[in-house]
């Protein structure tokens, strides 16, 4: 009695597992076909062209103005990074004259701090839009002068303000020239 029921059970079980295997193979085959089609570039978004061909055609169909704009954006980004790095070096050179000015560490710090803050401000502002030499220096100079007013209340103010003004006189034009040269080189 138990043998007959067991044999009947296993025969039905074998039939259902073979159906499951067939369905699994069919689903797997369809998945492989879909993957191969996308790899070859016949997906629903390519319209029969390979991905590399369609993207090249789209890029070539646009005017070269886009590439000039892209080049300018890239140049501004590169020049902003270079400018921020160069500001510290430039300010060290500019403020070297105030290393021994009394009050000793404050005068040099007043020059260097003002120079770095002003230089970084100019870097950021002038790499957002096309830098123009006429507009660059006066903006930086005005910002720098405001920064120097903070030293008017300190002891030894004539030396501190003098060191700060030295940074204001020399830093903006050097930073502006650096940005203008960099953008000209990067866009050439």
N, C-alpha and C. Protein backbone atom coordinates (compact mmCIF):
# COMPACT_ATOMS: atom_id res chain seq x y z
N UNK A 1 0.81 -1.19 0.00
CA UNK A 1 0.00 0.00 0.00
C UNK A 1 0.88 1.28 0.00
N UNK A 2 1.85 1.32 0.88
CA UNK A 2 2.69 2.51 0.95
C UNK A 2 3.58 2.65 -0.28
N UNK A 3 3.96 1.53 -0.85
CA UNK A 3 4.82 1.57 -2.01
C UNK A 3 4.13 2.19 -3.22
N UNK A 4 2.88 1.85 -3.42
CA UNK A 4 2.12 2.37 -4.55
C UNK A 4 1.97 3.89 -4.42
N UNK A 5 1.60 4.33 -3.23
CA UNK A 5 1.43 5.77 -3.01
C UNK A 5 2.76 6.53 -3.17
N UNK A 6 3.82 5.94 -2.69
CA UNK A 6 5.13 6.59 -2.79
C UNK A 6 5.56 6.70 -4.25
N UNK A 7 5.37 5.64 -5.04
CA UNK A 7 5.73 5.68 -6.46
C UNK A 7 4.91 6.72 -7.21
N UNK A 8 3.63 6.77 -6.91
CA UNK A 8 2.76 7.75 -7.55
C UNK A 8 3.20 9.18 -7.22
N UNK A 9 3.54 9.42 -5.95
CA UNK A 9 3.99 10.73 -5.51
C UNK A 9 5.26 11.16 -6.25
N UNK A 10 6.25 10.28 -6.35
CA UNK A 10 7.52 10.63 -6.98
C UNK A 10 7.39 10.82 -8.48
N UNK A 11 6.47 10.11 -9.12
CA UNK A 11 6.25 10.31 -10.56
C UNK A 11 5.68 11.71 -10.81
N UNK A 12 4.72 12.16 -9.99
CA UNK A 12 4.15 13.50 -10.14
C UNK A 12 5.20 14.57 -9.82
N UNK A 13 5.99 14.28 -8.85
CA UNK A 13 7.04 15.23 -8.45
C UNK A 13 8.07 15.42 -9.57
N UNK A 14 8.45 14.35 -10.25
CA UNK A 14 9.39 14.45 -11.36
C UNK A 14 8.81 15.26 -12.51
N UNK A 15 7.51 15.12 -12.80
CA UNK A 15 6.86 15.88 -13.88
C UNK A 15 6.89 17.38 -13.57
N UNK A 16 6.57 17.75 -12.31
CA UNK A 16 6.52 19.17 -11.96
C UNK A 16 7.93 19.78 -11.94
N UNK A 17 8.93 19.03 -11.53
CA UNK A 17 10.28 19.58 -11.52
C UNK A 17 10.81 19.76 -12.94
N UNK A 18 10.41 18.93 -13.88
CA UNK A 18 10.85 19.11 -15.26
C UNK A 18 10.20 20.34 -15.87
N UNK A 19 8.95 20.64 -15.49
CA UNK A 19 8.30 21.87 -15.95
C UNK A 19 9.01 23.09 -15.38
N UNK A 20 9.39 23.04 -14.13
CA UNK A 20 10.11 24.14 -13.49
C UNK A 20 11.45 24.37 -14.18
N UNK A 21 12.13 23.30 -14.52
CA UNK A 21 13.41 23.41 -15.21
C UNK A 21 13.22 24.07 -16.58
N UNK A 22 12.17 23.71 -17.28
CA UNK A 22 11.90 24.27 -18.61
C UNK A 22 11.60 25.77 -18.51
N UNK A 23 10.79 26.15 -17.53
CA UNK A 23 10.48 27.57 -17.34
C UNK A 23 11.75 28.35 -16.97
N UNK A 24 12.58 27.80 -16.11
CA UNK A 24 13.84 28.45 -15.73
C UNK A 24 14.76 28.64 -16.91
N UNK A 25 14.85 27.62 -17.75
CA UNK A 25 15.69 27.72 -18.95
C UNK A 25 15.15 28.78 -19.91
N UNK A 26 13.84 28.83 -20.06
CA UNK A 26 13.23 29.82 -20.96
C UNK A 26 13.49 31.25 -20.46
N UNK A 27 13.28 31.47 -19.17
CA UNK A 27 13.52 32.80 -18.59
C UNK A 27 15.00 33.17 -18.71
N UNK A 28 15.88 32.23 -18.42
CA UNK A 28 17.32 32.47 -18.54
C UNK A 28 17.72 32.80 -19.97
N UNK A 29 17.15 32.09 -20.93
CA UNK A 29 17.46 32.35 -22.34
C UNK A 29 17.00 33.73 -22.77
N UNK A 30 15.83 34.12 -22.35
CA UNK A 30 15.31 35.46 -22.69
C UNK A 30 16.19 36.54 -22.07
N UNK A 31 16.62 36.32 -20.83
CA UNK A 31 17.49 37.28 -20.16
C UNK A 31 18.82 37.42 -20.91
N UNK A 32 19.39 36.32 -21.34
CA UNK A 32 20.65 36.35 -22.09
C UNK A 32 20.47 37.11 -23.40
N UNK A 33 19.37 36.89 -24.10
CA UNK A 33 19.11 37.58 -25.35
C UNK A 33 18.99 39.09 -25.12
N UNK A 34 18.31 39.50 -24.06
CA UNK A 34 18.15 40.93 -23.75
C UNK A 34 19.51 41.56 -23.45
N UNK A 35 20.31 40.88 -22.65
CA UNK A 35 21.63 41.41 -22.31
C UNK A 35 22.50 41.56 -23.56
N UNK A 36 22.48 40.56 -24.42
CA UNK A 36 23.28 40.61 -25.65
C UNK A 36 22.81 41.76 -26.54
N UNK A 37 21.51 41.97 -26.63
CA UNK A 37 21.00 43.08 -27.45
C UNK A 37 21.46 44.43 -26.91
N UNK A 38 21.43 44.63 -25.60
CA UNK A 38 21.88 45.89 -25.04
C UNK A 38 23.38 46.08 -25.22
N UNK A 39 24.13 44.99 -25.09
CA UNK A 39 25.57 45.09 -25.28
C UNK A 39 25.89 45.47 -26.72
N UNK A 40 25.17 44.93 -27.66
CA UNK A 40 25.40 45.24 -29.06
C UNK A 40 24.80 46.58 -29.47
N UNK A 41 23.99 47.16 -28.61
CA UNK A 41 23.47 48.50 -28.90
C UNK A 41 22.12 48.51 -29.57
N UNK A 42 21.34 47.48 -29.43
CA UNK A 42 20.02 47.46 -30.04
C UNK A 42 18.93 47.62 -29.01
N UNK A 43 19.19 48.42 -28.00
CA UNK A 43 18.20 48.66 -26.95
C UNK A 43 17.14 49.62 -27.41
N UNK A 44 16.14 49.86 -26.55
CA UNK A 44 15.02 50.73 -26.93
C UNK A 44 15.41 52.20 -27.09
N UNK A 45 16.58 52.60 -26.59
CA UNK A 45 16.95 54.01 -26.66
C UNK A 45 17.93 54.32 -27.78
N UNK A 46 18.44 53.30 -28.45
CA UNK A 46 19.49 53.57 -29.43
C UNK A 46 18.96 53.74 -30.85
N UNK A 47 17.73 53.37 -31.14
CA UNK A 47 17.11 53.50 -32.46
C UNK A 47 17.92 52.78 -33.54
N UNK A 48 18.46 51.63 -33.19
CA UNK A 48 19.17 50.81 -34.17
C UNK A 48 20.62 51.15 -34.35
N UNK A 49 21.12 52.17 -33.69
CA UNK A 49 22.53 52.53 -33.81
C UNK A 49 23.27 52.01 -32.58
N UNK A 50 24.54 51.80 -32.73
CA UNK A 50 25.32 51.41 -31.56
C UNK A 50 25.48 52.64 -30.67
N UNK A 51 25.68 52.45 -29.35
CA UNK A 51 25.77 53.59 -28.45
C UNK A 51 26.88 54.55 -28.82
N UNK A 52 28.02 54.06 -29.22
CA UNK A 52 29.12 54.96 -29.53
C UNK A 52 28.82 55.78 -30.78
N UNK A 53 28.18 55.19 -31.77
CA UNK A 53 27.86 55.91 -33.00
C UNK A 53 26.81 56.99 -32.74
N UNK A 54 25.76 56.65 -31.97
CA UNK A 54 24.69 57.62 -31.74
C UNK A 54 25.20 58.80 -30.92
N UNK A 55 26.06 58.57 -29.93
CA UNK A 55 26.56 59.69 -29.14
C UNK A 55 27.50 60.56 -29.96
N UNK A 56 28.28 59.96 -30.85
CA UNK A 56 29.16 60.76 -31.71
C UNK A 56 28.35 61.61 -32.67
N UNK A 57 27.29 61.04 -33.24
CA UNK A 57 26.45 61.79 -34.17
C UNK A 57 25.79 62.97 -33.47
N UNK A 58 25.32 62.74 -32.22
CA UNK A 58 24.69 63.84 -31.49
C UNK A 58 25.70 64.92 -31.16
N UNK A 59 26.91 64.52 -30.76
CA UNK A 59 27.94 65.51 -30.42
C UNK A 59 28.38 66.29 -31.65
N UNK A 60 28.46 65.64 -32.81
CA UNK A 60 28.90 66.31 -34.02
C UNK A 60 27.81 67.17 -34.63
N UNK A 61 26.55 66.90 -34.29
CA UNK A 61 25.47 67.68 -34.87
C UNK A 61 25.34 69.05 -34.19
N UNK A 62 25.89 69.21 -32.97
CA UNK A 62 25.84 70.49 -32.28
C UNK A 62 26.97 71.38 -32.79
N UNK A 63 26.76 72.67 -32.76
CA UNK A 63 27.82 73.56 -33.22
C UNK A 63 29.01 73.53 -32.27
N UNK A 64 30.14 74.02 -32.74
CA UNK A 64 31.36 74.00 -31.95
C UNK A 64 31.30 74.98 -30.78
N UNK A 65 30.26 75.81 -30.73
CA UNK A 65 30.10 76.76 -29.64
C UNK A 65 30.03 76.04 -28.30
N UNK A 66 29.40 74.87 -28.28
CA UNK A 66 29.29 74.10 -27.05
C UNK A 66 30.67 73.69 -26.56
N UNK A 67 31.53 73.28 -27.47
CA UNK A 67 32.86 72.87 -27.05
C UNK A 67 33.67 74.08 -26.56
N UNK A 68 33.45 75.26 -27.13
CA UNK A 68 34.13 76.46 -26.65
C UNK A 68 33.66 76.81 -25.24
N UNK A 69 32.36 76.70 -25.01
CA UNK A 69 31.82 76.98 -23.67
C UNK A 69 32.35 75.97 -22.67
N UNK A 70 32.38 74.70 -23.08
CA UNK A 70 32.90 73.65 -22.20
C UNK A 70 34.38 73.90 -21.89
N UNK A 71 35.11 74.32 -22.90
CA UNK A 71 36.54 74.62 -22.74
C UNK A 71 36.73 75.77 -21.75
N UNK A 72 35.88 76.78 -21.84
CA UNK A 72 35.99 77.94 -20.95
C UNK A 72 35.63 77.55 -19.51
N UNK A 73 34.60 76.73 -19.33
CA UNK A 73 34.23 76.28 -17.99
C UNK A 73 35.37 75.47 -17.37
N UNK A 74 35.94 74.59 -18.18
CA UNK A 74 37.07 73.79 -17.69
C UNK A 74 38.26 74.68 -17.36
N UNK A 75 38.54 75.66 -18.21
CA UNK A 75 39.66 76.58 -17.97
C UNK A 75 39.45 77.36 -16.67
N UNK A 76 38.24 77.83 -16.44
CA UNK A 76 37.97 78.57 -15.20
C UNK A 76 38.19 77.69 -13.97
N UNK A 77 37.74 76.45 -14.06
CA UNK A 77 37.91 75.53 -12.93
C UNK A 77 39.39 75.26 -12.67
N UNK A 78 40.13 74.97 -13.73
CA UNK A 78 41.57 74.70 -13.58
C UNK A 78 42.28 75.94 -13.04
N UNK A 79 41.94 77.10 -13.56
CA UNK A 79 42.60 78.34 -13.15
C UNK A 79 42.23 78.73 -11.72
N UNK A 80 41.01 78.43 -11.30
CA UNK A 80 40.62 78.71 -9.92
C UNK A 80 41.50 77.89 -8.96
N UNK A 81 41.69 76.63 -9.28
CA UNK A 81 42.51 75.76 -8.44
C UNK A 81 43.96 76.24 -8.43
N UNK A 82 44.50 76.54 -9.61
CA UNK A 82 45.88 77.04 -9.69
C UNK A 82 46.03 78.35 -8.94
N UNK A 83 45.06 79.22 -9.09
CA UNK A 83 45.12 80.54 -8.47
C UNK A 83 45.18 80.42 -6.94
N UNK A 84 44.31 79.59 -6.38
CA UNK A 84 44.30 79.43 -4.93
C UNK A 84 45.63 78.88 -4.42
N UNK A 85 46.25 78.00 -5.21
CA UNK A 85 47.56 77.47 -4.82
C UNK A 85 48.64 78.54 -4.95
N UNK A 86 48.56 79.34 -6.01
CA UNK A 86 49.58 80.37 -6.26
C UNK A 86 49.49 81.55 -5.31
N UNK A 87 48.31 81.79 -4.75
CA UNK A 87 48.13 82.96 -3.87
C UNK A 87 49.07 82.88 -2.67
N UNK A 88 49.19 81.72 -2.06
CA UNK A 88 50.07 81.60 -0.89
C UNK A 88 51.52 81.92 -1.25
N UNK A 89 51.95 81.43 -2.39
CA UNK A 89 53.33 81.69 -2.82
C UNK A 89 53.51 83.18 -3.13
N UNK A 90 52.57 83.75 -3.85
CA UNK A 90 52.65 85.18 -4.19
C UNK A 90 52.67 86.03 -2.93
N UNK A 91 51.80 85.70 -1.98
CA UNK A 91 51.71 86.50 -0.75
C UNK A 91 52.98 86.36 0.10
N UNK A 92 53.59 85.20 0.09
CA UNK A 92 54.85 85.05 0.81
C UNK A 92 55.92 85.96 0.21
N UNK A 93 55.93 86.05 -1.12
CA UNK A 93 56.89 86.94 -1.80
C UNK A 93 56.58 88.41 -1.53
N UNK A 94 55.31 88.77 -1.62
CA UNK A 94 54.90 90.16 -1.42
C UNK A 94 55.21 90.63 0.00
N UNK A 95 54.93 89.79 0.97
CA UNK A 95 55.04 90.19 2.37
C UNK A 95 56.41 89.91 2.99
N UNK A 96 57.35 89.43 2.21
CA UNK A 96 58.69 89.15 2.72
C UNK A 96 59.33 90.43 3.30
N UNK A 97 58.99 91.58 2.77
CA UNK A 97 59.57 92.84 3.24
C UNK A 97 59.13 93.17 4.66
N UNK A 98 58.06 92.55 5.15
CA UNK A 98 57.52 92.88 6.47
C UNK A 98 57.84 91.83 7.53
N UNK A 99 58.77 90.95 7.23
CA UNK A 99 59.15 89.93 8.21
C UNK A 99 59.78 90.58 9.44
N UNK A 100 60.56 91.63 9.25
CA UNK A 100 61.27 92.27 10.36
C UNK A 100 60.62 93.59 10.79
N UNK A 101 59.47 93.93 10.22
CA UNK A 101 58.78 95.17 10.60
C UNK A 101 58.16 94.97 11.97
N UNK A 102 58.29 96.00 12.84
CA UNK A 102 57.71 95.93 14.18
C UNK A 102 56.30 96.47 14.15
N UNK A 103 55.41 96.00 14.91
CA UNK A 103 55.47 94.84 15.81
C UNK A 103 55.67 93.57 14.98
N UNK A 104 56.76 92.86 15.32
CA UNK A 104 57.33 91.85 14.45
C UNK A 104 56.36 90.81 13.88
N UNK A 105 55.78 89.95 14.63
CA UNK A 105 54.95 88.95 13.91
C UNK A 105 53.64 89.53 13.40
N UNK A 106 53.14 90.58 14.05
CA UNK A 106 51.83 91.13 13.65
C UNK A 106 51.87 91.81 12.29
N UNK A 107 52.93 92.56 12.01
CA UNK A 107 53.01 93.28 10.73
C UNK A 107 53.07 92.29 9.56
N UNK A 108 53.90 91.28 9.71
CA UNK A 108 54.00 90.27 8.65
C UNK A 108 52.67 89.52 8.50
N UNK A 109 52.04 89.20 9.63
CA UNK A 109 50.74 88.51 9.59
C UNK A 109 49.66 89.39 8.97
N UNK A 110 49.69 90.68 9.29
CA UNK A 110 48.69 91.60 8.71
C UNK A 110 48.82 91.62 7.19
N UNK A 111 50.06 91.68 6.71
CA UNK A 111 50.29 91.69 5.27
C UNK A 111 49.86 90.36 4.64
N UNK A 112 50.34 89.28 5.22
CA UNK A 112 50.10 87.95 4.63
C UNK A 112 48.62 87.55 4.70
N UNK A 113 47.99 87.77 5.85
CA UNK A 113 46.58 87.40 5.99
C UNK A 113 45.70 88.20 5.03
N UNK A 114 45.95 89.49 4.96
CA UNK A 114 45.18 90.35 4.05
C UNK A 114 45.40 89.91 2.60
N UNK A 115 46.65 89.65 2.28
CA UNK A 115 47.00 89.24 0.91
C UNK A 115 46.31 87.93 0.54
N UNK A 116 46.34 86.95 1.44
CA UNK A 116 45.75 85.64 1.15
C UNK A 116 44.23 85.73 1.02
N UNK A 117 43.60 86.43 1.95
CA UNK A 117 42.13 86.55 1.89
C UNK A 117 41.71 87.30 0.62
N UNK A 118 42.40 88.40 0.33
CA UNK A 118 42.08 89.17 -0.87
C UNK A 118 42.35 88.37 -2.13
N UNK A 119 43.50 87.71 -2.18
CA UNK A 119 43.85 86.90 -3.35
C UNK A 119 42.85 85.79 -3.60
N UNK A 120 42.46 85.07 -2.55
CA UNK A 120 41.48 84.00 -2.72
C UNK A 120 40.12 84.53 -3.13
N UNK A 121 39.75 85.70 -2.61
CA UNK A 121 38.49 86.33 -3.00
C UNK A 121 38.52 86.69 -4.49
N UNK A 122 39.63 87.26 -4.93
CA UNK A 122 39.76 87.61 -6.35
C UNK A 122 39.74 86.36 -7.22
N UNK A 123 40.43 85.31 -6.77
CA UNK A 123 40.42 84.04 -7.53
C UNK A 123 39.00 83.54 -7.74
N UNK A 124 38.23 83.53 -6.66
CA UNK A 124 36.86 83.02 -6.76
C UNK A 124 35.99 83.90 -7.64
N UNK A 125 36.07 85.21 -7.44
CA UNK A 125 35.22 86.12 -8.20
C UNK A 125 35.57 86.14 -9.68
N UNK A 126 36.84 86.17 -9.99
CA UNK A 126 37.26 86.33 -11.38
C UNK A 126 37.21 85.05 -12.19
N UNK A 127 37.07 83.92 -11.55
CA UNK A 127 36.94 82.68 -12.32
C UNK A 127 35.48 82.27 -12.45
N UNK A 128 34.57 83.07 -11.93
CA UNK A 128 33.15 82.82 -12.15
C UNK A 128 32.71 83.35 -13.51
N UNK A 129 33.32 84.39 -13.98
CA UNK A 129 32.99 85.00 -15.27
C UNK A 129 34.30 85.33 -15.97
N UNK A 130 34.21 85.82 -17.19
CA UNK A 130 35.42 86.19 -17.91
C UNK A 130 36.12 87.33 -17.19
N UNK A 131 37.38 87.13 -16.80
CA UNK A 131 38.07 88.21 -16.10
C UNK A 131 38.46 89.33 -17.06
N UNK A 132 38.25 90.54 -16.63
CA UNK A 132 38.66 91.71 -17.41
C UNK A 132 39.60 92.50 -16.54
N UNK A 133 40.73 92.83 -17.08
CA UNK A 133 41.78 93.46 -16.28
C UNK A 133 41.28 94.75 -15.62
N UNK A 134 40.47 95.53 -16.31
CA UNK A 134 39.99 96.80 -15.77
C UNK A 134 39.11 96.58 -14.54
N UNK A 135 38.31 95.52 -14.56
CA UNK A 135 37.38 95.28 -13.47
C UNK A 135 38.03 94.53 -12.32
N UNK A 136 39.07 93.79 -12.59
CA UNK A 136 39.66 92.91 -11.60
C UNK A 136 40.35 93.67 -10.47
N UNK A 137 41.30 94.51 -10.78
CA UNK A 137 42.10 95.18 -9.75
C UNK A 137 41.28 96.09 -8.83
N UNK A 138 40.45 96.99 -9.34
CA UNK A 138 39.73 97.88 -8.42
C UNK A 138 38.82 97.12 -7.45
N UNK A 139 38.18 96.05 -7.89
CA UNK A 139 37.33 95.29 -6.97
C UNK A 139 38.17 94.70 -5.84
N UNK A 140 39.29 94.11 -6.21
CA UNK A 140 40.17 93.52 -5.22
C UNK A 140 40.76 94.58 -4.30
N UNK A 141 41.08 95.72 -4.85
CA UNK A 141 41.67 96.81 -4.07
C UNK A 141 40.67 97.32 -3.05
N UNK A 142 39.42 97.49 -3.45
CA UNK A 142 38.38 97.97 -2.54
C UNK A 142 38.16 96.97 -1.41
N UNK A 143 38.08 95.71 -1.75
CA UNK A 143 37.89 94.67 -0.73
C UNK A 143 39.07 94.67 0.25
N UNK A 144 40.25 94.82 -0.28
CA UNK A 144 41.47 94.79 0.52
C UNK A 144 41.52 95.98 1.48
N UNK A 145 41.15 97.13 1.01
CA UNK A 145 41.16 98.34 1.86
C UNK A 145 40.21 98.16 3.05
N UNK A 146 39.07 97.55 2.80
CA UNK A 146 38.13 97.30 3.91
C UNK A 146 38.77 96.37 4.94
N UNK A 147 39.53 95.42 4.47
CA UNK A 147 40.21 94.49 5.37
C UNK A 147 41.25 95.23 6.22
N UNK A 148 41.92 96.22 5.66
CA UNK A 148 42.96 96.97 6.38
C UNK A 148 42.39 97.85 7.49
N UNK A 149 41.14 98.23 7.37
CA UNK A 149 40.53 99.09 8.41
C UNK A 149 40.51 98.40 9.77
N UNK A 150 40.51 97.08 9.76
CA UNK A 150 40.50 96.34 11.04
C UNK A 150 41.77 96.58 11.84
N UNK A 151 42.87 96.94 11.19
CA UNK A 151 44.15 97.14 11.89
C UNK A 151 44.32 98.56 12.41
N UNK A 152 43.39 99.45 12.14
CA UNK A 152 43.53 100.85 12.55
C UNK A 152 43.41 101.04 14.06
N UNK A 153 42.86 100.07 14.77
CA UNK A 153 42.67 100.20 16.22
C UNK A 153 43.73 99.44 17.02
N UNK A 154 44.66 98.79 16.36
CA UNK A 154 45.68 98.00 17.05
C UNK A 154 46.88 98.86 17.43
N UNK A 155 47.63 98.39 18.41
CA UNK A 155 48.89 99.07 18.78
C UNK A 155 49.87 98.90 17.63
N UNK A 156 50.60 99.94 17.32
CA UNK A 156 51.52 99.91 16.19
C UNK A 156 50.78 99.97 14.87
N UNK A 157 49.64 100.65 14.89
CA UNK A 157 48.74 100.65 13.74
C UNK A 157 49.37 101.19 12.47
N UNK A 158 50.28 102.18 12.59
CA UNK A 158 50.86 102.72 11.37
C UNK A 158 51.65 101.65 10.62
N UNK A 159 52.31 100.76 11.36
CA UNK A 159 53.08 99.70 10.70
C UNK A 159 52.16 98.59 10.19
N UNK A 160 51.14 98.30 10.99
CA UNK A 160 50.19 97.25 10.58
C UNK A 160 49.41 97.68 9.34
N UNK A 161 48.91 98.91 9.38
CA UNK A 161 48.15 99.41 8.23
C UNK A 161 49.07 99.55 7.02
N UNK A 162 50.31 99.97 7.25
CA UNK A 162 51.28 100.07 6.15
C UNK A 162 51.55 98.70 5.51
N UNK A 163 51.71 97.68 6.33
CA UNK A 163 51.94 96.33 5.81
C UNK A 163 50.71 95.84 5.06
N UNK A 164 49.55 96.12 5.62
CA UNK A 164 48.29 95.71 4.98
C UNK A 164 48.13 96.43 3.64
N UNK A 165 48.41 97.72 3.61
CA UNK A 165 48.30 98.49 2.36
C UNK A 165 49.28 97.99 1.30
N UNK A 166 50.44 97.55 1.76
CA UNK A 166 51.42 96.99 0.82
C UNK A 166 50.82 95.75 0.13
N UNK A 167 50.16 94.92 0.91
CA UNK A 167 49.49 93.75 0.33
C UNK A 167 48.38 94.18 -0.64
N UNK A 168 47.65 95.23 -0.27
CA UNK A 168 46.56 95.71 -1.12
C UNK A 168 47.08 96.28 -2.44
N UNK A 169 48.24 96.90 -2.37
CA UNK A 169 48.79 97.51 -3.58
C UNK A 169 49.33 96.44 -4.55
N UNK A 170 49.98 95.41 -4.01
CA UNK A 170 50.66 94.45 -4.87
C UNK A 170 49.85 93.19 -5.21
N UNK A 171 49.02 92.72 -4.30
CA UNK A 171 48.34 91.44 -4.50
C UNK A 171 47.30 91.45 -5.63
N UNK A 172 46.34 92.38 -5.64
CA UNK A 172 45.30 92.29 -6.67
C UNK A 172 45.82 92.28 -8.11
N UNK A 173 46.74 93.16 -8.49
CA UNK A 173 47.20 93.10 -9.87
C UNK A 173 47.92 91.79 -10.22
N UNK A 174 48.72 91.28 -9.28
CA UNK A 174 49.43 90.02 -9.54
C UNK A 174 48.46 88.86 -9.69
N UNK A 175 47.46 88.80 -8.82
CA UNK A 175 46.48 87.72 -8.90
C UNK A 175 45.67 87.83 -10.19
N UNK A 176 45.28 89.05 -10.53
CA UNK A 176 44.50 89.25 -11.76
C UNK A 176 45.30 88.83 -13.00
N UNK A 177 46.56 89.26 -13.05
CA UNK A 177 47.40 88.88 -14.19
C UNK A 177 47.57 87.37 -14.26
N UNK A 178 47.72 86.75 -13.12
CA UNK A 178 47.86 85.29 -13.07
C UNK A 178 46.62 84.59 -13.63
N UNK A 179 45.44 85.07 -13.26
CA UNK A 179 44.19 84.47 -13.75
C UNK A 179 44.06 84.69 -15.25
N UNK A 180 44.32 85.88 -15.71
CA UNK A 180 44.18 86.19 -17.14
C UNK A 180 45.13 85.34 -17.97
N UNK A 181 46.38 85.20 -17.52
CA UNK A 181 47.34 84.36 -18.23
C UNK A 181 46.90 82.90 -18.24
N UNK A 182 46.45 82.44 -17.11
CA UNK A 182 46.03 81.03 -16.98
C UNK A 182 44.87 80.72 -17.92
N UNK A 183 43.86 81.56 -17.92
CA UNK A 183 42.70 81.32 -18.79
C UNK A 183 43.10 81.39 -20.26
N UNK A 184 43.99 82.32 -20.59
CA UNK A 184 44.46 82.41 -21.99
C UNK A 184 45.21 81.13 -22.38
N UNK A 185 46.01 80.59 -21.49
CA UNK A 185 46.73 79.35 -21.78
C UNK A 185 45.80 78.16 -21.88
N UNK A 186 44.85 78.07 -20.99
CA UNK A 186 43.95 76.92 -20.96
C UNK A 186 42.96 76.90 -22.13
N UNK A 187 42.61 78.07 -22.65
CA UNK A 187 41.65 78.11 -23.76
C UNK A 187 42.33 78.13 -25.12
N UNK A 188 43.63 78.28 -25.14
CA UNK A 188 44.36 78.32 -26.43
C UNK A 188 44.44 76.96 -27.07
